[in-house]
Protein backbone atom coordinates (compact mmCIF):
# COMPACT_ATOMS: atom_id res chain seq x y z
CA MET A 1 -31.15 14.18 -13.00
CA ALA A 2 -28.34 12.46 -11.10
CA PRO A 3 -28.99 9.28 -9.12
CA ARG A 4 -30.05 9.97 -5.54
CA PHE A 5 -29.04 7.80 -2.58
CA ASP A 6 -32.36 6.37 -1.38
CA LEU A 7 -32.15 2.94 0.23
CA ILE A 8 -29.91 0.62 2.24
CA GLY A 9 -30.76 -3.05 1.74
CA ILE A 10 -29.92 -5.89 4.11
CA ALA A 11 -30.10 -9.58 3.15
CA VAL A 12 -31.45 -11.66 6.04
CA THR A 13 -31.74 -15.36 6.82
CA ASP A 14 -34.35 -14.94 9.58
CA MET A 15 -36.63 -11.95 9.04
CA ALA A 16 -38.29 -12.04 12.47
CA ARG A 17 -34.95 -12.25 14.32
CA SER A 18 -33.44 -9.45 12.24
CA LEU A 19 -36.43 -7.16 12.74
CA ASP A 20 -36.37 -7.89 16.47
CA PHE A 21 -32.75 -6.68 16.58
CA TYR A 22 -33.57 -3.42 14.78
CA ARG A 23 -36.71 -2.83 16.86
CA ARG A 24 -34.51 -3.00 19.96
CA LEU A 25 -32.50 -0.15 18.42
CA GLY A 26 -35.66 1.95 18.28
CA LEU A 27 -36.92 1.40 14.73
CA ASP A 28 -40.71 1.30 14.52
CA ILE A 29 -41.27 -1.84 12.44
CA PRO A 30 -44.77 -3.37 12.50
CA ALA A 31 -45.00 -6.88 14.02
CA GLU A 32 -46.79 -8.22 10.94
CA ALA A 33 -43.59 -7.57 8.94
CA ASP A 34 -41.93 -10.56 10.63
CA SER A 35 -43.46 -12.97 8.13
CA GLU A 36 -42.75 -10.91 5.00
CA ALA A 37 -40.02 -11.64 2.44
CA HIS A 38 -39.34 -7.90 1.86
CA VAL A 39 -39.74 -5.12 4.43
CA GLU A 40 -39.08 -1.41 3.98
CA LEU A 41 -39.01 1.39 6.50
CA THR A 42 -38.71 5.10 5.72
CA LEU A 43 -36.40 6.77 8.23
CA PRO A 44 -36.54 10.40 9.34
CA GLY A 45 -35.12 12.43 6.49
CA GLY A 46 -36.52 10.09 3.84
CA LEU A 47 -33.77 7.46 3.55
CA ARG A 48 -35.23 3.96 3.40
CA LEU A 49 -33.94 0.81 5.10
CA ALA A 50 -35.01 -2.54 3.64
CA TRP A 51 -34.64 -6.19 4.60
CA ASP A 52 -34.87 -9.01 2.05
CA ASP A 53 -35.11 -12.68 2.87
CA VAL A 54 -32.28 -14.65 1.23
CA ALA A 55 -34.76 -17.15 -0.22
CA MET A 56 -36.59 -14.29 -1.94
CA ILE A 57 -33.33 -12.82 -3.25
CA ARG A 58 -32.50 -16.17 -4.82
CA THR A 59 -35.79 -16.10 -6.79
CA PHE A 60 -34.31 -13.37 -9.03
CA HIS A 61 -30.58 -13.87 -8.34
CA PRO A 62 -30.18 -17.65 -8.07
CA HIS A 63 -26.38 -17.57 -7.68
CA TRP A 64 -26.35 -15.03 -4.85
CA THR A 65 -24.04 -16.04 -2.01
CA ALA A 66 -23.52 -14.40 1.35
CA PRO A 67 -20.27 -12.49 1.75
CA THR A 68 -17.62 -13.96 4.04
CA GLY A 69 -15.14 -12.39 6.42
CA SER A 70 -15.59 -9.15 8.31
CA PRO A 71 -18.32 -6.72 7.25
CA ARG A 72 -17.22 -3.95 4.88
CA THR A 73 -20.11 -1.66 5.71
CA GLY A 74 -22.03 -0.98 8.86
CA LEU A 75 -24.87 1.04 10.25
CA ALA A 76 -24.37 3.44 13.15
CA PHE A 77 -26.98 4.46 15.72
CA ARG A 78 -26.43 7.62 17.73
CA CYS A 79 -27.44 7.28 21.37
CA ALA A 80 -28.57 10.12 23.63
CA ASP A 81 -25.58 9.77 25.95
CA PRO A 82 -22.78 7.36 26.91
CA ALA A 83 -25.04 5.55 29.40
CA GLU A 84 -27.49 4.74 26.58
CA VAL A 85 -24.64 3.15 24.60
CA ASP A 86 -23.95 0.89 27.58
CA ARG A 87 -27.63 0.11 28.22
CA THR A 88 -28.33 -0.71 24.57
CA TRP A 89 -25.20 -2.86 24.28
CA THR A 90 -26.21 -4.79 27.40
CA GLU A 91 -29.85 -5.24 26.32
CA LEU A 92 -28.87 -6.62 22.92
CA THR A 93 -26.08 -8.91 24.12
CA VAL A 94 -28.24 -10.27 26.96
CA ALA A 95 -30.92 -10.96 24.31
CA GLY A 96 -28.37 -13.15 22.51
CA PHE A 97 -27.11 -10.82 19.79
CA HIS A 98 -23.37 -10.80 19.07
CA GLY A 99 -21.33 -8.07 20.67
CA GLU A 100 -18.16 -7.50 18.63
CA LEU A 101 -16.56 -4.71 20.68
CA PRO A 102 -17.90 -3.77 24.12
CA PRO A 103 -18.43 -0.08 24.94
CA TRP A 104 -15.28 2.00 25.35
CA ASP A 105 -14.32 5.66 25.44
CA ALA A 106 -12.83 6.25 22.00
CA PHE A 107 -9.97 8.69 21.51
CA TRP A 108 -12.12 10.66 19.03
CA GLY A 109 -14.48 11.74 21.85
CA GLN A 110 -17.30 9.21 21.74
CA ARG A 111 -18.55 6.30 23.80
CA TYR A 112 -18.52 3.57 21.17
CA ALA A 113 -19.54 -0.08 20.80
CA VAL A 114 -19.93 -2.51 17.91
CA LEU A 115 -22.57 -5.22 17.58
CA HIS A 116 -23.47 -7.58 14.77
CA ASP A 117 -27.02 -8.05 13.61
CA PRO A 118 -28.18 -11.68 13.19
CA ASP A 119 -26.58 -11.86 9.73
CA GLY A 120 -23.20 -10.50 10.80
CA ASN A 121 -23.63 -6.91 9.64
CA GLY A 122 -21.78 -4.37 11.74
CA VAL A 123 -23.97 -2.06 13.80
CA ASP A 124 -22.23 0.65 15.81
CA LEU A 125 -23.58 2.50 18.82
CA TYR A 126 -22.12 5.86 19.76
CA ALA A 127 -22.65 9.00 21.81
CA PRO A 128 -20.51 12.08 22.41
CA LEU A 129 -18.52 11.85 25.66
CA ASP A 130 -18.90 15.58 26.23
CA ALA A 131 -22.54 16.34 26.99
CA GLY A 132 -21.91 20.07 26.34
């Protein structure tokens, strides 16, 4: 059997703040998860998304350090339409989350925007410009 891609893990410094960000993107994460050191969510299709508190990571990897510079990976959330990209961008930036690139009409045919989650991970929002 070959390895199967199964999980995306995110290291977090403030679990409650991070989960709040992802809830605002539509993920159904239980409120009681805010106080956990490790949280997992199974997404449609079976892929799992997990968040691990940095303090917990350091219990088994004591020399772990956060990466610096721009993110090398990112998550992307498809929106229903270009207006939802704008609404979601506005909701999250008004709530105090970092907006890296405000919504624009990309040359590849999508309304696109880039946010950062509370730990600086890139999170893209997009929707096709052509509703047809």
